[in-house]
Amino acid sequence: LAHLLLPVRAIQMGGEMTSCASCGTPLEPRDGPGRPSVYCSEGCRRLAEFRLRAIVKRLDAAELELRRVSAERSGFGALRGSERRRRVQTLKRWIAEDLAKMRSLLGVKANPPA
């Protein structure tokens, strides 16, 4: 799973992708109608789909744990005080990182407005 954690960046200029969102290979300029390319090949598109599915699974698990840790106040196994705050901060950081990876793989320029 280490390859899923590598930062994947797509170089963007003027609203169009200039390199593959999956591997970084320069994209061929497109003429005519249709959406601009995001991936250089079917293989890169499929690899991005695989990575996106893995990210979605991690996000689901992290968000579920974040809700559980945020809601629990006491009881057996409950995190206390600073330990709970650290875990919440870590989960939020992981979620933000995975969301950024997901946006990159989808070819989205920046964070959507909150």
Protein backbone atom coordinates (compact mmCIF):
# COMPACT_ATOMS: atom_id res chain seq x y z
CA LEU A 1 0.00 0.00 0.00
CA ALA A 2 3.00 2.33 0.18
CA HIS A 3 2.59 3.31 -3.49
CA LEU A 4 -0.87 4.68 -2.62
CA LEU A 5 0.67 7.09 -0.16
CA LEU A 6 3.00 8.72 -2.68
CA PRO A 7 1.87 12.21 -3.59
CA VAL A 8 0.33 12.27 -7.04
CA ARG A 9 0.39 15.69 -8.64
CA ALA A 10 -1.03 16.88 -11.91
CA ILE A 11 0.47 19.99 -13.46
CA GLN A 12 -2.29 22.31 -14.55
CA MET A 13 -2.22 25.43 -16.68
CA GLY A 14 -5.14 27.52 -17.82
CA GLY A 15 -7.73 25.05 -16.55
CA GLU A 16 -6.47 22.13 -18.66
CA MET A 17 -4.29 19.30 -17.48
CA THR A 18 -0.82 19.31 -19.00
CA SER A 19 0.24 15.99 -17.46
CA CYS A 20 -1.44 12.73 -16.50
CA ALA A 21 -3.05 12.88 -13.04
CA SER A 22 -1.83 9.34 -12.40
CA CYS A 23 1.75 9.09 -13.74
CA GLY A 24 2.73 12.65 -14.70
CA THR A 25 3.36 11.89 -18.39
CA PRO A 26 2.74 14.97 -20.57
CA LEU A 27 -0.70 14.86 -22.19
CA GLU A 28 -1.24 15.35 -25.88
CA PRO A 29 -3.09 18.61 -26.64
CA ARG A 30 -6.70 17.98 -27.66
CA ASP A 31 -8.57 19.75 -30.39
CA GLY A 32 -12.30 19.75 -30.80
CA PRO A 33 -15.22 19.19 -28.48
CA GLY A 34 -15.32 17.06 -25.36
CA ARG A 35 -13.80 17.08 -21.95
CA PRO A 36 -10.07 17.64 -21.63
CA SER A 37 -7.94 14.56 -20.93
CA VAL A 38 -6.96 13.76 -17.35
CA TYR A 39 -5.07 10.50 -17.94
CA CYS A 40 -2.58 9.55 -20.66
CA SER A 41 -3.95 6.03 -21.16
CA GLU A 42 -6.63 3.55 -20.21
CA GLY A 43 -4.08 1.90 -17.91
CA CYS A 44 -3.49 5.12 -15.98
CA ARG A 45 -7.23 5.73 -15.73
CA ARG A 46 -7.74 2.22 -14.32
CA LEU A 47 -4.82 2.64 -11.90
CA ALA A 48 -6.33 5.92 -10.71
CA GLU A 49 -9.69 4.17 -10.20
CA PHE A 50 -7.94 1.48 -8.11
CA ARG A 51 -6.19 4.13 -6.02
CA LEU A 52 -9.43 6.10 -5.63
CA ARG A 53 -11.26 3.01 -4.33
CA ALA A 54 -8.48 2.44 -1.78
CA ILE A 55 -8.64 6.09 -0.70
CA VAL A 56 -12.42 5.93 -0.32
CA LYS A 57 -12.07 2.85 1.94
CA ARG A 58 -9.46 4.63 4.08
CA LEU A 59 -11.61 7.77 4.25
CA ASP A 60 -14.65 5.76 5.32
CA ALA A 61 -12.68 4.04 8.09
CA ALA A 62 -11.02 7.26 9.28
CA GLU A 63 -14.30 9.21 9.30
CA LEU A 64 -16.04 6.42 11.22
CA GLU A 65 -13.24 6.33 13.80
CA LEU A 66 -13.27 10.14 14.03
CA ARG A 67 -17.00 10.10 14.80
CA ARG A 68 -16.53 7.32 17.36
CA VAL A 69 -13.57 8.99 19.12
CA SER A 70 -15.29 12.40 19.09
CA ALA A 71 -18.50 10.98 20.56
CA GLU A 72 -17.12 8.72 23.29
CA ARG A 73 -16.60 10.38 26.61
CA SER A 74 -16.05 7.51 29.01
CA GLY A 75 -16.14 3.78 29.28
CA PHE A 76 -13.75 0.92 28.84
CA GLY A 77 -11.15 1.64 26.18
CA ALA A 78 -12.15 5.28 25.74
CA LEU A 79 -9.33 7.71 25.01
CA ARG A 80 -8.94 10.49 27.55
CA GLY A 81 -7.99 14.17 27.35
CA SER A 82 -4.85 14.97 25.37
CA GLU A 83 -4.64 11.42 23.99
CA ARG A 84 -8.13 11.82 22.49
CA ARG A 85 -7.29 15.28 21.10
CA ARG A 86 -4.11 13.92 19.47
CA ARG A 87 -6.05 11.05 17.88
CA VAL A 88 -8.71 13.44 16.56
CA GLN A 89 -6.02 15.72 15.10
CA THR A 90 -4.26 12.75 13.48
CA LEU A 91 -7.50 11.46 11.95
CA LYS A 92 -8.39 14.92 10.61
CA ARG A 93 -4.91 15.23 9.06
CA TRP A 94 -5.21 11.79 7.41
CA ILE A 95 -8.64 12.70 6.05
CA ALA A 96 -7.35 16.01 4.62
CA GLU A 97 -4.36 14.25 3.00
CA ASP A 98 -6.55 11.57 1.43
CA LEU A 99 -9.00 14.17 0.14
CA ALA A 100 -6.10 16.05 -1.47
CA LYS A 101 -4.87 12.80 -3.11
CA MET A 102 -8.38 12.10 -4.34
CA ARG A 103 -8.70 15.59 -5.87
CA SER A 104 -5.32 15.14 -7.57
CA LEU A 105 -6.29 11.77 -9.06
CA LEU A 106 -9.54 13.27 -10.31
CA GLY A 107 -7.71 16.20 -11.89
CA VAL A 108 -9.39 18.81 -9.66
CA LYS A 109 -7.40 22.04 -9.31
CA ALA A 110 -7.93 23.12 -5.70
CA ASN A 111 -10.00 22.65 -2.60
CA PRO A 112 -13.70 23.33 -3.16
CA PRO A 113 -15.05 26.35 -1.28
CA ALA A 114 -16.22 25.48 2.22
